[in-house]
């Protein structure tokens, strides 16, 4: 029986971001009372801030929580995937590299 409040369970799929990945905040994030040393409602992260994913955890066995280090602020804040976007693009080899044999997969 469904209560109409079901959400997708993120942890059934791989995380969207990996440790060391550079990310940007897509929302303003305020303290909801879980960040020590800051007042409730105080801004922790501003939309457009850039940081690096340090670690990945889970919440309620449903959601990934990304510990993001905001270097310019000197803080680490737990963020949801919907609050972040990656600043790194997947590197694909150019046709010149493929032709030169850089992508043959041979060990040296």
PDB file of N, CA and C in Angstrom:
ATOM      1  N   UNK A   1       0.845  -1.173   0.000  1.00  0.00           N
ATOM      2  CA  UNK A   1       0.000   0.000   0.000  1.00  0.00           C
ATOM      3  C   UNK A   1       0.891   1.235   0.000  1.00  0.00           C
ATOM      4  N   UNK A   2       0.633   2.147  -0.895  1.00  0.00           N
ATOM      5  CA  UNK A   2       1.432   3.351  -1.029  1.00  0.00           C
ATOM      6  C   UNK A   2       0.785   4.509  -0.282  1.00  0.00           C
ATOM      7  N   UNK A   3       1.623   5.301   0.360  1.00  0.00           N
ATOM      8  CA  UNK A   3       1.131   6.483   1.065  1.00  0.00           C
ATOM      9  C   UNK A   3       1.201   7.726   0.192  1.00  0.00           C
ATOM     10  N   UNK A   4       1.660   7.578  -1.048  1.00  0.00           N
ATOM     11  CA  UNK A   4       1.756   8.716  -1.948  1.00  0.00           C
ATOM     12  C   UNK A   4       2.955   9.605  -1.676  1.00  0.00           C
ATOM     13  N   UNK A   5       3.848   9.163  -0.788  1.00  0.00           N
ATOM     14  CA  UNK A   5       5.014   9.971  -0.450  1.00  0.00           C
ATOM     15  C   UNK A   5       6.313   9.288  -0.855  1.00  0.00           C
ATOM     16  N   UNK A   6       6.216   8.265  -1.667  1.00  0.00           N
ATOM     17  CA  UNK A   6       7.417   7.543  -2.056  1.00  0.00           C
ATOM     18  C   UNK A   6       8.295   8.411  -2.943  1.00  0.00           C
ATOM     19  N   UNK A   7       9.589   8.296  -2.749  1.00  0.00           N
ATOM     20  CA  UNK A   7      10.564   9.001  -3.563  1.00  0.00           C
ATOM     21  C   UNK A   7      11.524   7.972  -4.126  1.00  0.00           C
ATOM     22  N   UNK A   8      12.222   8.364  -5.170  1.00  0.00           N
ATOM     23  CA  UNK A   8      13.236   7.468  -5.710  1.00  0.00           C
ATOM     24  C   UNK A   8      14.305   7.220  -4.660  1.00  0.00           C
ATOM     25  N   UNK A   9      14.777   5.999  -4.605  1.00  0.00           N
ATOM     26  CA  UNK A   9      15.844   5.653  -3.670  1.00  0.00           C
ATOM     27  C   UNK A   9      17.158   5.776  -4.429  1.00  0.00           C
ATOM     28  N   UNK A  10      17.877   6.860  -4.146  1.00  0.00           N
ATOM     29  CA  UNK A  10      19.107   7.184  -4.871  1.00  0.00           C
ATOM     30  C   UNK A  10      20.162   6.099  -4.768  1.00  0.00           C
ATOM     31  N   UNK A  11      20.263   5.451  -3.608  1.00  0.00           N
ATOM     32  CA  UNK A  11      21.390   4.539  -3.401  1.00  0.00           C
ATOM     33  C   UNK A  11      21.277   3.255  -4.216  1.00  0.00           C
ATOM     34  N   UNK A  12      20.203   3.099  -4.969  1.00  0.00           N
ATOM     35  CA  UNK A  12      20.098   1.955  -5.885  1.00  0.00           C
ATOM     36  C   UNK A  12      20.929   2.174  -7.147  1.00  0.00           C
ATOM     37  N   UNK A  13      21.371   3.411  -7.363  1.00  0.00           N
ATOM     38  CA  UNK A  13      22.212   3.752  -8.510  1.00  0.00           C
ATOM     39  C   UNK A  13      23.552   4.273  -7.999  1.00  0.00           C
ATOM     40  N   UNK A  14      24.584   4.281  -8.842  1.00  0.00           N
ATOM     41  CA  UNK A  14      25.884   4.808  -8.396  1.00  0.00           C
ATOM     42  C   UNK A  14      25.788   6.299  -8.065  1.00  0.00           C
ATOM     43  N   UNK A  15      26.662   6.799  -7.187  1.00  0.00           N
ATOM     44  CA  UNK A  15      26.662   8.233  -6.863  1.00  0.00           C
ATOM     45  C   UNK A  15      26.929   9.079  -8.109  1.00  0.00           C
ATOM     46  N   UNK A  16      26.342  10.257  -8.149  1.00  0.00           N
ATOM     47  CA  UNK A  16      26.547  11.167  -9.286  1.00  0.00           C
ATOM     48  C   UNK A  16      27.906  11.849  -9.248  1.00  0.00           C
ATOM     49  N   UNK A  17      28.460  12.023  -8.051  1.00  0.00           N
ATOM     50  CA  UNK A  17      29.738  12.710  -7.885  1.00  0.00           C
ATOM     51  C   UNK A  17      30.681  11.806  -7.108  1.00  0.00           C
ATOM     52  N   UNK A  18      31.971  11.941  -7.374  1.00  0.00           N
ATOM     53  CA  UNK A  18      32.971  11.115  -6.709  1.00  0.00           C
ATOM     54  C   UNK A  18      33.910  12.003  -5.893  1.00  0.00           C
ATOM     55  N   UNK A  19      34.544  11.439  -4.836  1.00  0.00           N
ATOM     56  CA  UNK A  19      35.499  12.228  -4.054  1.00  0.00           C
ATOM     57  C   UNK A  19      36.578  12.843  -4.947  1.00  0.00           C
ATOM     58  N   UNK A  20      36.875  14.107  -4.682  1.00  0.00           N
ATOM     59  CA  UNK A  20      37.858  14.846  -5.465  1.00  0.00           C
ATOM     60  C   UNK A  20      37.256  15.629  -6.613  1.00  0.00           C
ATOM     61  N   UNK A  21      35.991  15.371  -6.926  1.00  0.00           N
ATOM     62  CA  UNK A  21      35.341  16.051  -8.049  1.00  0.00           C
ATOM     63  C   UNK A  21      34.993  17.495  -7.681  1.00  0.00           C
ATOM     64  N   UNK A  22      35.247  18.391  -8.614  1.00  0.00           N
ATOM     65  CA  UNK A  22      34.942  19.812  -8.419  1.00  0.00           C
ATOM     66  C   UNK A  22      33.471  20.047  -8.749  1.00  0.00           C
ATOM     67  N   UNK A  23      32.753  20.732  -7.842  1.00  0.00           N
ATOM     68  CA  UNK A  23      31.317  20.951  -8.003  1.00  0.00           C
ATOM     69  C   UNK A  23      30.954  22.409  -7.731  1.00  0.00           C
ATOM     70  N   UNK A  24      29.745  22.785  -8.166  1.00  0.00           N
ATOM     71  CA  UNK A  24      29.205  24.128  -7.919  1.00  0.00           C
ATOM     72  C   UNK A  24      27.826  23.981  -7.281  1.00  0.00           C
ATOM     73  N   UNK A  25      27.532  24.828  -6.303  1.00  0.00           N
ATOM     74  CA  UNK A  25      26.220  24.824  -5.652  1.00  0.00           C
ATOM     75  C   UNK A  25      25.188  25.426  -6.599  1.00  0.00           C
ATOM     76  N   UNK A  26      24.036  24.774  -6.720  1.00  0.00           N
ATOM     77  CA  UNK A  26      22.961  25.275  -7.572  1.00  0.00           C
ATOM     78  C   UNK A  26      21.852  25.941  -6.755  1.00  0.00           C
ATOM     79  N   UNK A  27      21.986  25.909  -5.426  1.00  0.00           N
ATOM     80  CA  UNK A  27      21.006  26.517  -4.523  1.00  0.00           C
ATOM     81  C   UNK A  27      21.736  27.193  -3.359  1.00  0.00           C
ATOM     82  N   UNK A  28      21.079  28.166  -2.736  1.00  0.00           N
ATOM     83  CA  UNK A  28      21.558  28.700  -1.466  1.00  0.00           C
ATOM     84  C   UNK A  28      21.234  27.660  -0.404  1.00  0.00           C
ATOM     85  N   UNK A  29      22.170  27.400   0.501  1.00  0.00           N
ATOM     86  CA  UNK A  29      21.959  26.419   1.562  1.00  0.00           C
ATOM     87  C   UNK A  29      22.064  27.136   2.901  1.00  0.00           C
ATOM     88  N   UNK A  30      21.004  27.008   3.704  1.00  0.00           N
ATOM     89  CA  UNK A  30      20.980  27.615   5.035  1.00  0.00           C
ATOM     90  C   UNK A  30      21.058  26.526   6.095  1.00  0.00           C
ATOM     91  N   UNK A  31      21.528  26.901   7.266  1.00  0.00           N
ATOM     92  CA  UNK A  31      21.622  25.959   8.375  1.00  0.00           C
ATOM     93  C   UNK A  31      20.216  25.605   8.861  1.00  0.00           C
ATOM     94  N   UNK A  32      19.918  24.311   8.843  1.00  0.00           N
ATOM     95  CA  UNK A  32      18.619  23.836   9.330  1.00  0.00           C
ATOM     96  C   UNK A  32      18.697  23.413  10.795  1.00  0.00           C
ATOM     97  N   UNK A  33      19.815  23.729  11.425  1.00  0.00           N
ATOM     98  CA  UNK A  33      20.010  23.364  12.822  1.00  0.00           C
ATOM     99  C   UNK A  33      20.962  22.206  13.007  1.00  0.00           C
ATOM    100  N   UNK A  34      21.416  21.610  11.911  1.00  0.00           N
ATOM    101  CA  UNK A  34      22.312  20.457  12.006  1.00  0.00           C
ATOM    102  C   UNK A  34      23.781  20.835  11.842  1.00  0.00           C
ATOM    103  N   UNK A  35      24.076  22.094  11.520  1.00  0.00           N
ATOM    104  CA  UNK A  35      25.465  22.526  11.359  1.00  0.00           C
ATOM    105  C   UNK A  35      25.907  23.231  12.641  1.00  0.00           C
ATOM    106  N   UNK A  36      26.889  22.672  13.350  1.00  0.00           N
ATOM    107  CA  UNK A  36      27.292  23.256  14.637  1.00  0.00           C
ATOM    108  C   UNK A  36      28.017  24.593  14.480  1.00  0.00           C
ATOM    109  N   UNK A  37      27.792  25.469  15.441  1.00  0.00           N
ATOM    110  CA  UNK A  37      28.501  26.739  15.479  1.00  0.00           C
ATOM    111  C   UNK A  37      27.904  27.836  14.621  1.00  0.00           C
ATOM    112  N   UNK A  38      26.801  27.566  13.951  1.00  0.00           N
ATOM    113  CA  UNK A  38      26.123  28.568  13.123  1.00  0.00           C
ATOM    114  C   UNK A  38      24.672  28.667  13.582  1.00  0.00           C
ATOM    115  N   UNK A  39      24.102  29.848  13.439  1.00  0.00           N
ATOM    116  CA  UNK A  39      22.706  30.056  13.809  1.00  0.00           C
ATOM    117  C   UNK A  39      21.779  29.381  12.798  1.00  0.00           C
ATOM    118  N   UNK A  40      20.617  28.943  13.250  1.00  0.00           N
ATOM    119  CA  UNK A  40      19.615  28.383  12.346  1.00  0.00           C
ATOM    120  C   UNK A  40      19.199  29.476  11.365  1.00  0.00           C
ATOM    121  N   UNK A  41      19.178  29.130  10.088  1.00  0.00           N
ATOM    122  CA  UNK A  41      18.824  30.082   9.042  1.00  0.00           C
ATOM    123  C   UNK A  41      20.010  30.830   8.452  1.00  0.00           C
ATOM    124  N   UNK A  42      21.182  30.709   9.068  1.00  0.00           N
ATOM    125  CA  UNK A  42      22.375  31.383   8.554  1.00  0.00           C
ATOM    126  C   UNK A  42      22.843  30.695   7.273  1.00  0.00           C
ATOM    127  N   UNK A  43      23.262  31.492   6.279  1.00  0.00           N
ATOM    128  CA  UNK A  43      23.751  30.934   5.016  1.00  0.00           C
ATOM    129  C   UNK A  43      25.035  30.148   5.243  1.00  0.00           C
ATOM    130  N   UNK A  44      25.062  28.920   4.721  1.00  0.00           N
ATOM    131  CA  UNK A  44      26.266  28.097   4.763  1.00  0.00           C
ATOM    132  C   UNK A  44      26.966  28.098   3.411  1.00  0.00           C
ATOM    133  N   UNK A  45      26.166  28.044   2.340  1.00  0.00           N
ATOM    134  CA  UNK A  45      26.687  27.987   0.971  1.00  0.00           C
ATOM    135  C   UNK A  45      25.808  28.878   0.111  1.00  0.00           C
ATOM    136  N   UNK A  46      26.434  29.633  -0.779  1.00  0.00           N
ATOM    137  CA  UNK A  46      25.679  30.479  -1.700  1.00  0.00           C
ATOM    138  C   UNK A  46      25.646  29.837  -3.084  1.00  0.00           C
ATOM    139  N   UNK A  47      24.569  30.069  -3.798  1.00  0.00           N
ATOM    140  CA  UNK A  47      24.443  29.571  -5.163  1.00  0.00           C
ATOM    141  C   UNK A  47      25.635  30.079  -5.973  1.00  0.00           C
ATOM    142  N   UNK A  48      26.319  29.168  -6.669  1.00  0.00           N
ATOM    143  CA  UNK A  48      27.484  29.534  -7.471  1.00  0.00           C
ATOM    144  C   UNK A  48      28.812  29.267  -6.793  1.00  0.00           C
ATOM    145  N   UNK A  49      28.808  29.011  -5.473  1.00  0.00           N
ATOM    146  CA  UNK A  49      30.053  28.674  -4.783  1.00  0.00           C
ATOM    147  C   UNK A  49      30.625  27.383  -5.365  1.00  0.00           C
ATOM    148  N   UNK A  50      31.958  27.301  -5.411  1.00  0.00           N
ATOM    149  CA  UNK A  50      32.623  26.114  -5.945  1.00  0.00           C
ATOM    150  C   UNK A  50      33.408  25.408  -4.851  1.00  0.00           C
ATOM    151  N   UNK A  51      33.370  24.076  -4.885  1.00  0.00           N
ATOM    152  CA  UNK A  51      34.074  23.284  -3.890  1.00  0.00           C
ATOM    153  C   UNK A  51      34.424  21.916  -4.443  1.00  0.00           C
ATOM    154  N   UNK A  52      34.875  21.038  -3.546  1.00  0.00           N
ATOM    155  CA  UNK A  52      35.304  19.697  -3.922  1.00  0.00           C
ATOM    156  C   UNK A  52      34.613  18.666  -3.036  1.00  0.00           C
ATOM    157  N   UNK A  53      34.143  17.577  -3.645  1.00  0.00           N
ATOM    158  CA  UNK A  53      33.537  16.488  -2.885  1.00  0.00           C
ATOM    159  C   UNK A  53      34.646  15.794  -2.103  1.00  0.00           C
ATOM    160  N   UNK A  54      34.476  15.691  -0.785  1.00  0.00           N
ATOM    161  CA  UNK A  54      35.466  15.015   0.063  1.00  0.00           C
ATOM    162  C   UNK A  54      35.070  13.589   0.373  1.00  0.00           C
ATOM    163  N   UNK A  55      33.770  13.360   0.559  1.00  0.00           N
ATOM    164  CA  UNK A  55      33.310  12.041   0.985  1.00  0.00           C
ATOM    165  C   UNK A  55      31.855  11.871   0.574  1.00  0.00           C
ATOM    166  N   UNK A  56      31.396  10.623   0.570  1.00  0.00           N
ATOM    167  CA  UNK A  56      30.006  10.320   0.239  1.00  0.00           C
ATOM    168  C   UNK A  56      29.433   9.463   1.355  1.00  0.00           C
ATOM    169  N   UNK A  57      28.282   9.875   1.874  1.00  0.00           N
ATOM    170  CA  UNK A  57      27.580   9.099   2.886  1.00  0.00           C
ATOM    171  C   UNK A  57      26.148   8.878   2.436  1.00  0.00           C
ATOM    172  N   UNK A  58      25.350   8.281   3.308  1.00  0.00           N
ATOM    173  CA  UNK A  58      23.937   8.080   2.995  1.00  0.00           C
ATOM    174  C   UNK A  58      23.089   8.616   4.136  1.00  0.00           C
ATOM    175  N   UNK A  59      21.825   8.887   3.835  1.00  0.00           N
ATOM    176  CA  UNK A  59      20.872   9.375   4.819  1.00  0.00           C
ATOM    177  C   UNK A  59      19.590   8.579   4.651  1.00  0.00           C
ATOM    178  N   UNK A  60      19.088   8.020   5.746  1.00  0.00           N
ATOM    179  CA  UNK A  60      17.852   7.237   5.768  1.00  0.00           C
ATOM    180  C   UNK A  60      17.870   6.056   4.797  1.00  0.00           C
ATOM    181  N   UNK A  61      19.042   5.549   4.498  1.00  0.00           N
ATOM    182  CA  UNK A  61      19.211   4.435   3.568  1.00  0.00           C
ATOM    183  C   UNK A  61      18.514   4.695   2.237  1.00  0.00           C
ATOM    184  N   UNK A  62      18.421   5.971   1.844  1.00  0.00           N
ATOM    185  CA  UNK A  62      17.771   6.343   0.591  1.00  0.00           C
ATOM    186  C   UNK A  62      18.589   7.300  -0.248  1.00  0.00           C
ATOM    187  N   UNK A  63      19.240   8.261   0.396  1.00  0.00           N
ATOM    188  CA  UNK A  63      19.856   9.364  -0.326  1.00  0.00           C
ATOM    189  C   UNK A  63      21.355   9.409  -0.102  1.00  0.00           C
ATOM    190  N   UNK A  64      22.089   9.822  -1.141  1.00  0.00           N
ATOM    191  CA  UNK A  64      23.508  10.115  -0.981  1.00  0.00           C
ATOM    192  C   UNK A  64      23.638  11.518  -0.408  1.00  0.00           C
ATOM    193  N   UNK A  65      24.554  11.671   0.520  1.00  0.00           N
ATOM    194  CA  UNK A  65      24.922  12.982   1.042  1.00  0.00           C
ATOM    195  C   UNK A  65      26.395  13.173   0.712  1.00  0.00           C
ATOM    196  N   UNK A  66      26.683  14.248   0.002  1.00  0.00           N
ATOM    197  CA  UNK A  66      28.044  14.543  -0.432  1.00  0.00           C
ATOM    198  C   UNK A  66      28.651  15.562   0.525  1.00  0.00           C
ATOM    199  N   UNK A  67      29.746  15.190   1.183  1.00  0.00           N
ATOM    200  CA  UNK A  67      30.468  16.129   2.041  1.00  0.00           C
ATOM    201  C   UNK A  67      31.325  16.978   1.113  1.00  0.00           C
ATOM    202  N   UNK A  68      30.935  18.242   0.950  1.00  0.00           N
ATOM    203  CA  UNK A  68      31.621  19.132   0.017  1.00  0.00           C
ATOM    204  C   UNK A  68      32.437  20.147   0.803  1.00  0.00           C
ATOM    205  N   UNK A  69      33.716  20.242   0.455  1.00  0.00           N
ATOM    206  CA  UNK A  69      34.595  21.229   1.078  1.00  0.00           C
ATOM    207  C   UNK A  69      34.539  22.503   0.250  1.00  0.00           C
ATOM    208  N   UNK A  70      34.081  23.567   0.891  1.00  0.00           N
ATOM    209  CA  UNK A  70      34.023  24.888   0.257  1.00  0.00           C
ATOM    210  C   UNK A  70      35.294  25.607   0.675  1.00  0.00           C
ATOM    211  N   UNK A  71      36.304  25.542  -0.175  1.00  0.00           N
ATOM    212  CA  UNK A  71      37.652  25.992   0.156  1.00  0.00           C
ATOM    213  C   UNK A  71      37.676  27.470   0.526  1.00  0.00           C
ATOM    214  N   UNK A  72      36.965  28.324  -0.217  1.00  0.00           N
ATOM    215  CA  UNK A  72      36.995  29.757   0.071  1.00  0.00           C
ATOM    216  C   UNK A  72      36.354  30.095   1.413  1.00  0.00           C
ATOM    217  N   UNK A  73      35.444  29.250   1.906  1.00  0.00           N
ATOM    218  CA  UNK A  73      34.796  29.468   3.198  1.00  0.00           C
ATOM    219  C   UNK A  73      35.476  28.682   4.320  1.00  0.00           C
ATOM    220  N   UNK A  74      36.258  27.672   3.947  1.00  0.00           N
ATOM    221  CA  UNK A  74      36.916  26.834   4.945  1.00  0.00           C
ATOM    222  C   UNK A  74      35.951  25.938   5.696  1.00  0.00           C
ATOM    223  N   UNK A  75      34.872  25.511   5.029  1.00  0.00           N
ATOM    224  CA  UNK A  75      33.869  24.671   5.680  1.00  0.00           C
ATOM    225  C   UNK A  75      33.594  23.422   4.853  1.00  0.00           C
ATOM    226  N   UNK A  76      33.012  22.431   5.506  1.00  0.00           N
ATOM    227  CA  UNK A  76      32.529  21.225   4.841  1.00  0.00           C
ATOM    228  C   UNK A  76      31.045  21.124   5.158  1.00  0.00           C
ATOM    229  N   UNK A  77      30.220  21.027   4.111  1.00  0.00           N
ATOM    230  CA  UNK A  77      28.766  20.995   4.278  1.00  0.00           C
ATOM    231  C   UNK A  77      28.215  19.783   3.540  1.00  0.00           C
ATOM    232  N   UNK A  78      27.287  19.070   4.162  1.00  0.00           N
ATOM    233  CA  UNK A  78      26.617  17.944   3.521  1.00  0.00           C
ATOM    234  C   UNK A  78      25.592  18.447   2.523  1.00  0.00           C
ATOM    235  N   UNK A  79      25.657  17.930   1.289  1.00  0.00           N
ATOM    236  CA  UNK A  79      24.795  18.404   0.207  1.00  0.00           C
ATOM    237  C   UNK A  79      24.132  17.226  -0.492  1.00  0.00           C
ATOM    238  N   UNK A  80      22.936  17.456  -1.020  1.00  0.00           N
ATOM    239  CA  UNK A  80      22.245  16.473  -1.859  1.00  0.00           C
ATOM    240  C   UNK A  80      22.657  16.690  -3.315  1.00  0.00           C
ATOM    241  N   UNK A  81      22.508  15.667  -4.148  1.00  0.00           N
ATOM    242  CA  UNK A  81      22.893  15.753  -5.560  1.00  0.00           C
ATOM    243  C   UNK A  81      22.131  16.857  -6.279  1.00  0.00           C
ATOM    244  N   UNK A  82      20.856  17.055  -5.940  1.00  0.00           N
ATOM    245  CA  UNK A  82      20.054  18.079  -6.616  1.00  0.00           C
ATOM    246  C   UNK A  82      20.538  19.497  -6.314  1.00  0.00           C
ATOM    247  N   UNK A  83      21.406  19.655  -5.311  1.00  0.00           N
ATOM    248  CA  UNK A  83      21.927  20.965  -4.929  1.00  0.00           C
ATOM    249  C   UNK A  83      23.292  21.252  -5.545  1.00  0.00           C
ATOM    250  N   UNK A  84      23.784  20.310  -6.375  1.00  0.00           N
ATOM    251  CA  UNK A  84      25.133  20.416  -6.939  1.00  0.00           C
ATOM    252  C   UNK A  84      25.138  20.173  -8.437  1.00  0.00           C
ATOM    253  N   UNK A  85      26.167  20.702  -9.091  1.00  0.00           N
ATOM    254  CA  UNK A  85      26.447  20.354 -10.482  1.00  0.00           C
ATOM    255  C   UNK A  85      27.955  20.172 -10.619  1.00  0.00           C
ATOM    256  N   UNK A  86      28.360  19.250 -11.476  1.00  0.00           N
ATOM    257  CA  UNK A  86      29.776  18.968 -11.670  1.00  0.00           C
ATOM    258  C   UNK A  86      30.409  20.047 -12.534  1.00  0.00           C
ATOM    259  N   UNK A  87      31.646  20.381 -12.221  1.00  0.00           N
ATOM    260  CA  UNK A  87      32.416  21.316 -13.042  1.00  0.00           C
ATOM    261  C   UNK A  87      33.463  20.583 -13.865  1.00  0.00           C
ATOM    262  N   UNK A  88      33.452  19.269 -13.776  1.00  0.00           N
ATOM    263  CA  UNK A  88      34.404  18.464 -14.532  1.00  0.00           C
ATOM    264  C   UNK A  88      33.668  17.767 -15.659  1.00  0.00           C
ATOM    265  N   UNK A  89      34.315  17.700 -16.800  1.00  0.00           N
ATOM    266  CA  UNK A  89      33.724  16.995 -17.930  1.00  0.00           C
ATOM    267  C   UNK A  89      34.489  15.707 -18.142  1.00  0.00           C
ATOM    268  N   UNK A  90      33.788  14.710 -18.597  1.00  0.00           N
ATOM    269  CA  UNK A  90      34.447  13.433 -18.870  1.00  0.00           C
ATOM    270  C   UNK A  90      35.442  13.641 -20.001  1.00  0.00           C
ATOM    271  N   UNK A  91      36.647  13.176 -19.804  1.00  0.00           N
ATOM    272  CA  UNK A  91      37.682  13.352 -20.815  1.00  0.00           C
ATOM    273  C   UNK A  91      37.546  12.265 -21.860  1.00  0.00           C
ATOM    274  N   UNK A  92      37.415  12.679 -23.108  1.00  0.00           N
ATOM    275  CA  UNK A  92      37.374  11.723 -24.208  1.00  0.00           C
ATOM    276  C   UNK A  92      38.603  11.958 -25.072  1.00  0.00           C
ATOM    277  N   UNK A  93      39.270  10.898 -25.491  1.00  0.00           N
ATOM    278  CA  UNK A  93      40.475  11.076 -26.299  1.00  0.00           C
ATOM    279  C   UNK A  93      40.143  11.670 -27.663  1.00  0.00           C
ATOM    280  N   UNK A  94      41.020  12.538 -28.140  1.00  0.00           N
ATOM    281  CA  UNK A  94      40.824  13.133 -29.462  1.00  0.00           C
ATOM    282  C   UNK A  94      41.145  12.101 -30.536  1.00  0.00           C
ATOM    283  N   UNK A  95      40.723  12.383 -31.771  1.00  0.00           N
ATOM    284  CA  UNK A  95      40.998  11.446 -32.864  1.00  0.00           C
ATOM    285  C   UNK A  95      42.500  11.323 -33.109  1.00  0.00           C
ATOM    286  N   UNK A  96      43.261  12.392 -32.856  1.00  0.00           N
ATOM    287  CA  UNK A  96      44.717  12.334 -33.023  1.00  0.00           C
ATOM    288  C   UNK A  96      45.335  11.376 -32.006  1.00  0.00           C
ATOM    289  N   UNK A  97      44.819  11.392 -30.757  1.00  0.00           N
ATOM    290  CA  UNK A  97      45.333  10.483 -29.736  1.00  0.00           C
ATOM    291  C   UNK A  97      44.999   9.035 -30.067  1.00  0.00           C
ATOM    292  N   UNK A  98      43.794   8.800 -30.568  1.00  0.00           N
ATOM    293  CA  UNK A  98      43.394   7.441 -30.925  1.00  0.00           C
ATOM    294  C   UNK A  98      44.273   6.929 -32.062  1.00  0.00           C
ATOM    295  N   UNK A  99      44.503   7.781 -33.071  1.00  0.00           N
ATOM    296  CA  UNK A  99      45.344   7.407 -34.207  1.00  0.00           C
ATOM    297  C   UNK A  99      46.782   7.154 -33.803  1.00  0.00           C
ATOM    298  N   UNK A 100      47.248   7.840 -32.756  1.00  0.00           N
ATOM    299  CA  UNK A 100      48.626   7.679 -32.298  1.00  0.00           C
ATOM    300  C   UNK A 100      48.779   6.495 -31.350  1.00  0.00           C
ATOM    301  N   UNK A 101      47.670   5.828 -31.023  1.00  0.00           N
ATOM    302  CA  UNK A 101      47.751   4.632 -30.197  1.00  0.00           C
ATOM    303  C   UNK A 101      47.657   4.872 -28.707  1.00  0.00           C
ATOM    304  N   UNK A 102      47.182   6.052 -28.276  1.00  0.00           N
ATOM    305  CA  UNK A 102      47.083   6.337 -26.852  1.00  0.00           C
ATOM    306  C   UNK A 102      45.955   5.572 -26.181  1.00  0.00           C
ATOM    307  N   UNK A 103      45.043   5.028 -26.936  1.00  0.00           N
ATOM    308  CA  UNK A 103      43.876   4.378 -26.346  1.00  0.00           C
ATOM    309  C   UNK A 103      43.840   2.882 -26.664  1.00  0.00           C
ATOM    310  N   UNK A 104      44.989   2.253 -26.842  1.00  0.00           N
ATOM    311  CA  UNK A 104      45.021   0.837 -27.197  1.00  0.00           C
ATOM    312  C   UNK A 104      44.856  -0.079 -26.006  1.00  0.00           C
ATOM    313  N   UNK A 105      45.044   0.433 -24.796  1.00  0.00           N
ATOM    314  CA  UNK A 105      44.846  -0.382 -23.609  1.00  0.00           C
ATOM    315  C   UNK A 105      45.972  -1.352 -23.323  1.00  0.00           C
ATOM    316  N   UNK A 106      47.164  -1.091 -23.815  1.00  0.00           N
ATOM    317  CA  UNK A 106      48.283  -1.990 -23.545  1.00  0.00           C
ATOM    318  C   UNK A 106      49.022  -1.524 -22.306  1.00  0.00           C
ATOM    319  N   UNK A 107      49.404  -2.469 -21.472  1.00  0.00           N
ATOM    320  CA  UNK A 107      50.154  -2.143 -20.257  1.00  0.00           C
ATOM    321  C   UNK A 107      51.622  -1.986 -20.598  1.00  0.00           C
ATOM    322  N   UNK A 108      52.285  -1.134 -19.851  1.00  0.00           N
ATOM    323  CA  UNK A 108      53.723  -0.928 -20.069  1.00  0.00           C
ATOM    324  C   UNK A 108      54.484  -1.259 -18.833  1.00  0.00           C
TER     325      UNK A 108
END
